[in-house]
PDB file of N, CA and C in Angstrom:
ATOM      1  N   MET A   1      30.081 -37.013  30.041  1.00  0.00           N
ATOM      2  CA  MET A   1      28.554 -37.009  30.442  1.00  0.00           C
ATOM      3  C   MET A   1      28.577 -36.902  31.890  1.00  0.00           C
ATOM      4  N   ILE A   2      27.647 -36.377  32.499  1.00  0.00           N
ATOM      5  CA  ILE A   2      27.371 -36.211  33.669  1.00  0.00           C
ATOM      6  C   ILE A   2      26.800 -37.404  34.170  1.00  0.00           C
ATOM      7  N   GLU A   3      27.206 -38.197  35.231  1.00  0.00           N
ATOM      8  CA  GLU A   3      26.951 -39.531  36.202  1.00  0.00           C
ATOM      9  C   GLU A   3      25.157 -39.539  36.117  1.00  0.00           C
ATOM     10  N   GLY A   4      24.627 -40.595  35.558  1.00  0.00           N
ATOM     11  CA  GLY A   4      23.309 -40.753  35.709  1.00  0.00           C
ATOM     12  C   GLY A   4      22.422 -40.713  34.494  1.00  0.00           C
ATOM     13  N   TYR A   5      23.375 -39.691  33.436  1.00  0.00           N
ATOM     14  CA  TYR A   5      22.852 -39.210  32.278  1.00  0.00           C
ATOM     15  C   TYR A   5      23.536 -39.846  30.765  1.00  0.00           C
ATOM     16  N   THR A   6      22.950 -39.836  30.062  1.00  0.00           N
ATOM     17  CA  THR A   6      23.203 -40.633  29.070  1.00  0.00           C
ATOM     18  C   THR A   6      23.455 -39.497  27.825  1.00  0.00           C
ATOM     19  N   THR A   7      23.764 -39.753  26.227  1.00  0.00           N
ATOM     20  CA  THR A   7      23.601 -39.045  25.692  1.00  0.00           C
ATOM     21  C   THR A   7      22.612 -39.300  24.624  1.00  0.00           C
ATOM     22  N   VAL A   8      21.983 -38.842  23.543  1.00  0.00           N
ATOM     23  CA  VAL A   8      20.818 -38.878  22.664  1.00  0.00           C
ATOM     24  C   VAL A   8      21.658 -40.077  21.578  1.00  0.00           C
ATOM     25  N   LYS A   9      22.706 -40.110  21.108  1.00  0.00           N
ATOM     26  CA  LYS A   9      23.307 -41.104  20.125  1.00  0.00           C
ATOM     27  C   LYS A   9      22.667 -42.409  21.257  1.00  0.00           C
ATOM     28  N   GLU A  10      23.131 -42.859  21.983  1.00  0.00           N
ATOM     29  CA  GLU A  10      23.289 -43.762  23.367  1.00  0.00           C
ATOM     30  C   GLU A  10      21.776 -44.308  23.410  1.00  0.00           C
ATOM     31  N   ILE A  11      20.913 -43.505  23.501  1.00  0.00           N
ATOM     32  CA  ILE A  11      19.619 -43.590  23.792  1.00  0.00           C
ATOM     33  C   ILE A  11      18.909 -43.939  22.573  1.00  0.00           C
ATOM     34  N   ALA A  12      19.099 -43.788  21.159  1.00  0.00           N
ATOM     35  CA  ALA A  12      18.557 -44.040  19.928  1.00  0.00           C
ATOM     36  C   ALA A  12      18.958 -45.421  19.838  1.00  0.00           C
ATOM     37  N   GLU A  13      20.233 -45.416  19.921  1.00  0.00           N
ATOM     38  CA  GLU A  13      20.663 -46.840  19.815  1.00  0.00           C
ATOM     39  C   GLU A  13      20.111 -48.172  21.011  1.00  0.00           C
ATOM     40  N   LYS A  14      19.741 -47.941  22.088  1.00  0.00           N
ATOM     41  CA  LYS A  14      19.194 -48.768  22.843  1.00  0.00           C
ATOM     42  C   LYS A  14      17.680 -49.021  22.542  1.00  0.00           C
ATOM     43  N   TRP A  15      16.994 -47.581  22.032  1.00  0.00           N
ATOM     44  CA  TRP A  15      15.458 -47.889  21.487  1.00  0.00           C
ATOM     45  C   TRP A  15      15.285 -47.869  20.328  1.00  0.00           C
ATOM     46  N   GLY A  16      16.231 -47.948  19.167  1.00  0.00           N
ATOM     47  CA  GLY A  16      16.430 -48.529  18.343  1.00  0.00           C
ATOM     48  C   GLY A  16      15.492 -46.882  17.001  1.00  0.00           C
ATOM     49  N   LEU A  17      15.935 -45.995  17.622  1.00  0.00           N
ATOM     50  CA  LEU A  17      15.341 -45.085  17.000  1.00  0.00           C
ATOM     51  C   LEU A  17      16.368 -44.190  16.339  1.00  0.00           C
ATOM     52  N   THR A  18      16.070 -43.545  15.659  1.00  0.00           N
ATOM     53  CA  THR A  18      17.176 -42.303  15.003  1.00  0.00           C
ATOM     54  C   THR A  18      17.536 -41.253  16.154  1.00  0.00           C
ATOM     55  N   SER A  19      18.747 -40.631  15.842  1.00  0.00           N
ATOM     56  CA  SER A  19      19.126 -39.680  16.829  1.00  0.00           C
ATOM     57  C   SER A  19      18.166 -38.444  16.704  1.00  0.00           C
ATOM     58  N   ARG A  20      17.951 -38.063  15.906  1.00  0.00           N
ATOM     59  CA  ARG A  20      16.971 -37.051  15.244  1.00  0.00           C
ATOM     60  C   ARG A  20      15.501 -37.373  15.842  1.00  0.00           C
ATOM     61  N   THR A  21      14.727 -38.727  15.901  1.00  0.00           N
ATOM     62  CA  THR A  21      13.675 -38.434  16.839  1.00  0.00           C
ATOM     63  C   THR A  21      13.792 -38.722  17.537  1.00  0.00           C
ATOM     64  N   VAL A  22      14.753 -39.192  18.773  1.00  0.00           N
ATOM     65  CA  VAL A  22      15.065 -38.957  20.079  1.00  0.00           C
ATOM     66  C   VAL A  22      15.317 -37.345  20.508  1.00  0.00           C
ATOM     67  N   GLN A  23      16.143 -36.525  19.823  1.00  0.00           N
ATOM     68  CA  GLN A  23      16.232 -35.087  19.621  1.00  0.00           C
ATOM     69  C   GLN A  23      14.418 -34.524  19.824  1.00  0.00           C
ATOM     70  N   ILE A  24      13.890 -34.783  18.912  1.00  0.00           N
ATOM     71  CA  ILE A  24      12.226 -34.557  18.244  1.00  0.00           C
ATOM     72  C   ILE A  24      11.766 -34.650  20.005  1.00  0.00           C
ATOM     73  N   LEU A  25      11.941 -36.291  20.840  1.00  0.00           N
ATOM     74  CA  LEU A  25      11.113 -36.574  21.958  1.00  0.00           C
ATOM     75  C   LEU A  25      11.253 -35.570  23.004  1.00  0.00           C
ATOM     76  N   CYS A  26      12.352 -35.271  23.035  1.00  0.00           N
ATOM     77  CA  CYS A  26      13.305 -34.394  24.072  1.00  0.00           C
ATOM     78  C   CYS A  26      12.835 -33.162  24.024  1.00  0.00           C
ATOM     79  N   ALA A  27      12.825 -32.456  22.644  1.00  0.00           N
ATOM     80  CA  ALA A  27      12.247 -31.107  22.770  1.00  0.00           C
ATOM     81  C   ALA A  27      11.046 -30.954  22.972  1.00  0.00           C
ATOM     82  N   GLU A  28       9.657 -32.173  22.550  1.00  0.00           N
ATOM     83  CA  GLU A  28       8.335 -32.017  22.911  1.00  0.00           C
ATOM     84  C   GLU A  28       8.103 -32.395  24.610  1.00  0.00           C
ATOM     85  N   GLY A  29       9.013 -32.693  25.362  1.00  0.00           N
ATOM     86  CA  GLY A  29       9.204 -33.361  26.706  1.00  0.00           C
ATOM     87  C   GLY A  29       8.286 -34.221  26.764  1.00  0.00           C
ATOM     88  N   LYS A  30       8.743 -35.545  26.052  1.00  0.00           N
ATOM     89  CA  LYS A  30       8.033 -36.625  25.747  1.00  0.00           C
ATOM     90  C   LYS A  30       8.856 -37.564  26.734  1.00  0.00           C
ATOM     91  N   ILE A  31      10.006 -37.142  27.433  1.00  0.00           N
ATOM     92  CA  ILE A  31      10.956 -38.447  27.811  1.00  0.00           C
ATOM     93  C   ILE A  31      11.038 -37.402  28.727  1.00  0.00           C
ATOM     94  N   LYS A  32      10.769 -38.244  30.509  1.00  0.00           N
ATOM     95  CA  LYS A  32      10.831 -37.505  31.319  1.00  0.00           C
ATOM     96  C   LYS A  32      12.509 -37.206  32.543  1.00  0.00           C
ATOM     97  N   GLY A  33      12.366 -36.471  32.826  1.00  0.00           N
ATOM     98  CA  GLY A  33      13.858 -36.083  33.742  1.00  0.00           C
ATOM     99  C   GLY A  33      14.909 -35.505  32.504  1.00  0.00           C
ATOM    100  N   VAL A  34      14.325 -35.158  31.320  1.00  0.00           N
ATOM    101  CA  VAL A  34      15.687 -34.732  30.074  1.00  0.00           C
ATOM    102  C   VAL A  34      15.732 -33.251  30.489  1.00  0.00           C
ATOM    103  N   THR A  35      17.125 -33.103  30.402  1.00  0.00           N
ATOM    104  CA  THR A  35      17.644 -31.497  30.486  1.00  0.00           C
ATOM    105  C   THR A  35      18.629 -31.120  29.291  1.00  0.00           C
ATOM    106  N   LYS A  36      18.617 -29.982  29.104  1.00  0.00           N
ATOM    107  CA  LYS A  36      19.491 -29.520  28.080  1.00  0.00           C
ATOM    108  C   LYS A  36      20.439 -28.856  28.477  1.00  0.00           C
ATOM    109  N   PHE A  37      22.192 -28.930  28.256  1.00  0.00           N
ATOM    110  CA  PHE A  37      23.413 -28.111  28.479  1.00  0.00           C
ATOM    111  C   PHE A  37      23.832 -27.985  27.375  1.00  0.00           C
ATOM    112  N   GLY A  38      23.689 -26.361  27.036  1.00  0.00           N
ATOM    113  CA  GLY A  38      23.863 -26.074  26.140  1.00  0.00           C
ATOM    114  C   GLY A  38      23.284 -26.198  24.430  1.00  0.00           C
ATOM    115  N   LYS A  39      23.848 -27.224  23.747  1.00  0.00           N
ATOM    116  CA  LYS A  39      23.413 -27.830  22.799  1.00  0.00           C
ATOM    117  C   LYS A  39      22.911 -28.937  22.634  1.00  0.00           C
ATOM    118  N   ALA A  40      23.376 -29.853  24.152  1.00  0.00           N
ATOM    119  CA  ALA A  40      23.277 -31.064  23.936  1.00  0.00           C
ATOM    120  C   ALA A  40      21.956 -31.658  25.126  1.00  0.00           C
ATOM    121  N   TRP A  41      21.668 -32.576  24.677  1.00  0.00           N
ATOM    122  CA  TRP A  41      20.800 -33.317  25.684  1.00  0.00           C
ATOM    123  C   TRP A  41      21.200 -33.912  26.758  1.00  0.00           C
ATOM    124  N   ALA A  42      20.556 -34.102  27.881  1.00  0.00           N
ATOM    125  CA  ALA A  42      21.069 -35.180  28.954  1.00  0.00           C
ATOM    126  C   ALA A  42      20.015 -35.958  29.019  1.00  0.00           C
ATOM    127  N   ILE A  43      20.042 -37.002  28.787  1.00  0.00           N
ATOM    128  CA  ILE A  43      18.928 -38.103  29.232  1.00  0.00           C
ATOM    129  C   ILE A  43      19.188 -39.051  30.261  1.00  0.00           C
ATOM    130  N   PRO A  44      18.127 -39.355  31.201  1.00  0.00           N
ATOM    131  CA  PRO A  44      18.512 -40.195  32.636  1.00  0.00           C
ATOM    132  C   PRO A  44      18.615 -41.185  31.662  1.00  0.00           C
ATOM    133  N   VAL A  45      19.315 -42.348  32.669  1.00  0.00           N
ATOM    134  CA  VAL A  45      19.860 -43.704  32.541  1.00  0.00           C
ATOM    135  C   VAL A  45      18.753 -44.170  32.221  1.00  0.00           C
ATOM    136  N   ASN A  46      18.041 -44.042  32.774  1.00  0.00           N
ATOM    137  CA  ASN A  46      16.777 -45.320  33.520  1.00  0.00           C
ATOM    138  C   ASN A  46      15.416 -44.517  32.698  1.00  0.00           C
ATOM    139  N   ALA A  47      15.588 -44.052  31.895  1.00  0.00           N
ATOM    140  CA  ALA A  47      14.615 -43.055  31.059  1.00  0.00           C
ATOM    141  C   ALA A  47      13.857 -44.403  30.373  1.00  0.00           C
ATOM    142  N   GLU A  48      12.294 -44.430  30.605  1.00  0.00           N
ATOM    143  CA  GLU A  48      11.624 -45.049  29.541  1.00  0.00           C
ATOM    144  C   GLU A  48      11.212 -44.788  28.287  1.00  0.00           C
ATOM    145  N   LYS A  49      11.509 -45.340  27.288  1.00  0.00           N
ATOM    146  CA  LYS A  49      11.008 -45.042  26.158  1.00  0.00           C
ATOM    147  C   LYS A  49       9.129 -44.904  25.660  1.00  0.00           C
ATOM    148  N   PRO A  50       8.986 -43.557  25.334  1.00  0.00           N
ATOM    149  CA  PRO A  50       7.545 -43.172  25.388  1.00  0.00           C
ATOM    150  C   PRO A  50       7.124 -44.298  24.186  1.00  0.00           C
ATOM    151  N   THR A  51       5.655 -43.901  24.179  1.00  0.00           N
ATOM    152  CA  THR A  51       4.937 -44.883  23.210  1.00  0.00           C
ATOM    153  C   THR A  51       4.395 -43.822  21.928  1.00  0.00           C
ATOM    154  N   ASP A  52       4.352 -44.623  20.994  1.00  0.00           N
ATOM    155  CA  ASP A  52       4.305 -44.119  19.929  1.00  0.00           C
ATOM    156  C   ASP A  52       2.662 -43.838  19.566  1.00  0.00           C
ATOM    157  N   ASN A  53       2.596 -42.680  19.424  1.00  0.00           N
ATOM    158  CA  ASN A  53       0.730 -42.497  19.392  1.00  0.00           C
ATOM    159  C   ASN A  53       0.474 -42.244  17.821  1.00  0.00           C
ATOM    160  N   ARG A  54       1.139 -42.530  16.776  1.00  0.00           N
ATOM    161  CA  ARG A  54       0.683 -42.513  15.622  1.00  0.00           C
ATOM    162  C   ARG A  54      -0.182 -43.678  15.570  1.00  0.00           C
ATOM    163  N   VAL A  55      -0.729 -43.021  14.529  1.00  0.00           N
ATOM    164  CA  VAL A  55      -2.159 -44.321  14.096  1.00  0.00           C
ATOM    165  C   VAL A  55      -1.368 -45.296  12.995  1.00  0.00           C
ATOM    166  N   THR A  56      -1.366 -46.388  13.445  1.00  0.00           N
ATOM    167  CA  THR A  56      -1.000 -47.704  12.222  1.00  0.00           C
ATOM    168  C   THR A  56      -2.173 -48.306  11.836  1.00  0.00           C
ATOM    169  N   SER A  57      -3.362 -48.485  12.585  1.00  0.00           N
ATOM    170  CA  SER A  57      -4.259 -49.006  11.728  1.00  0.00           C
ATOM    171  C   SER A  57      -4.558 -49.131  10.386  1.00  0.00           C
ATOM    172  N   GLY A  58      -4.408 -48.250   9.414  1.00  0.00           N
ATOM    173  CA  GLY A  58      -4.326 -48.002   8.419  1.00  0.00           C
ATOM    174  C   GLY A  58      -6.163 -47.494   7.976  1.00  0.00           C
ATOM    175  N   GLU A  59      -6.239 -47.443   9.000  1.00  0.00           N
ATOM    176  CA  GLU A  59      -7.883 -46.785   9.105  1.00  0.00           C
ATOM    177  C   GLU A  59      -7.728 -45.394   8.225  1.00  0.00           C
ATOM    178  N   TYR A  60      -6.860 -44.750   8.336  1.00  0.00           N
ATOM    179  CA  TYR A  60      -6.502 -43.191   7.601  1.00  0.00           C
ATOM    180  C   TYR A  60      -5.776 -43.345   6.125  1.00  0.00           C
ATOM    181  N   LYS A  61      -5.458 -44.861   5.981  1.00  0.00           N
ATOM    182  CA  LYS A  61      -4.633 -44.972   4.430  1.00  0.00           C
ATOM    183  C   LYS A  61      -5.199 -44.714   3.237  1.00  0.00           C
ATOM    184  N   ASN A  62      -4.840 -43.960   2.705  1.00  0.00           N
ATOM    185  CA  ASN A  62      -5.538 -43.004   1.457  1.00  0.00           C
ATOM    186  C   ASN A  62      -7.168 -42.389   1.540  1.00  0.00           C
ATOM    187  N   TRP A  63      -7.057 -41.895   2.680  1.00  0.00           N
ATOM    188  CA  TRP A  63      -8.388 -41.291   3.180  1.00  0.00           C
ATOM    189  C   TRP A  63      -9.029 -40.204   1.497  1.00  0.00           C
ATOM    190  N   ARG A  64      -7.825 -39.791   1.245  1.00  0.00           N
ATOM    191  CA  ARG A  64      -8.346 -38.502  -0.038  1.00  0.00           C
ATOM    192  C   ARG A  64      -8.840 -39.210  -0.882  1.00  0.00           C
ATOM    193  N   ASN A  65      -8.372 -40.170  -1.059  1.00  0.00           N
ATOM    194  CA  ASN A  65      -8.801 -41.335  -2.996  1.00  0.00           C
ATOM    195  C   ASN A  65     -10.313 -41.625  -2.022  1.00  0.00           C
ATOM    196  N   LYS A  66     -10.775 -41.949  -1.014  1.00  0.00           N
ATOM    197  CA  LYS A  66     -12.313 -42.670  -0.627  1.00  0.00           C
ATOM    198  C   LYS A  66     -12.961 -41.310  -0.524  1.00  0.00           C
ATOM    199  N   ASN A  67     -12.670 -39.773  -0.662  1.00  0.00           N
ATOM    200  CA  ASN A  67     -13.440 -38.963  -0.650  1.00  0.00           C
ATOM    201  C   ASN A  67     -13.852 -39.051  -1.914  1.00  0.00           C
ATOM    202  N   LYS A  68     -13.258 -38.569  -2.884  1.00  0.00           N
ATOM    203  CA  LYS A  68     -13.133 -38.381  -4.058  1.00  0.00           C
ATOM    204  C   LYS A  68     -13.881 -39.667  -4.168  1.00  0.00           C
ATOM    205  N   LYS A  69     -14.355 -40.954  -4.446  1.00  0.00           N
ATOM    206  CA  LYS A  69     -15.057 -41.919  -4.364  1.00  0.00           C
ATOM    207  C   LYS A  69     -16.574 -41.440  -4.053  1.00  0.00           C
ATOM    208  N   ASP A  70     -16.407 -40.872  -3.053  1.00  0.00           N
ATOM    209  CA  ASP A  70     -17.836 -40.775  -2.389  1.00  0.00           C
ATOM    210  C   ASP A  70     -18.428 -39.531  -3.197  1.00  0.00           C
ATOM    211  N   ASN A  71     -17.588 -39.036  -3.344  1.00  0.00           N
ATOM    212  CA  ASN A  71     -18.444 -37.448  -4.167  1.00  0.00           C
ATOM    213  C   ASN A  71     -18.453 -37.841  -5.946  1.00  0.00           C
ATOM    214  N   GLN A  72     -18.072 -38.938  -6.379  1.00  0.00           N
ATOM    215  CA  GLN A  72     -17.937 -39.420  -7.782  1.00  0.00           C
ATOM    216  C   GLN A  72     -19.411 -40.011  -7.674  1.00  0.00           C
ATOM    217  N   ASP A  73     -19.888 -40.761  -6.663  1.00  0.00           N
ATOM    218  CA  ASP A  73     -21.099 -41.515  -6.648  1.00  0.00           C
ATOM    219  C   ASP A  73     -22.346 -40.544  -6.196  1.00  0.00           C
ATOM    220  N   ASP A  74     -22.004 -39.306  -5.940  1.00  0.00           N
ATOM    221  CA  ASP A  74     -23.387 -38.553  -5.685  1.00  0.00           C
ATOM    222  C   ASP A  74     -24.172 -37.686  -7.011  1.00  0.00           C
TER     223      ASP A  74
END
């Protein structure tokens, strides 16, 4: 690999993610300084792990079932 850059596999192990997840983050442009050489991603060694913006509060859990209950009460 090019000096100062690392592979998807190494970053995945470092961040505790799957290789596929890191590839998706690269493709979406969420990792700063990432470049693509052919089919491989080159990620800067000092790249920071992007924040996970998924909703984990549980607020939307089973939202379909809640809507059914609301409609049955009418």
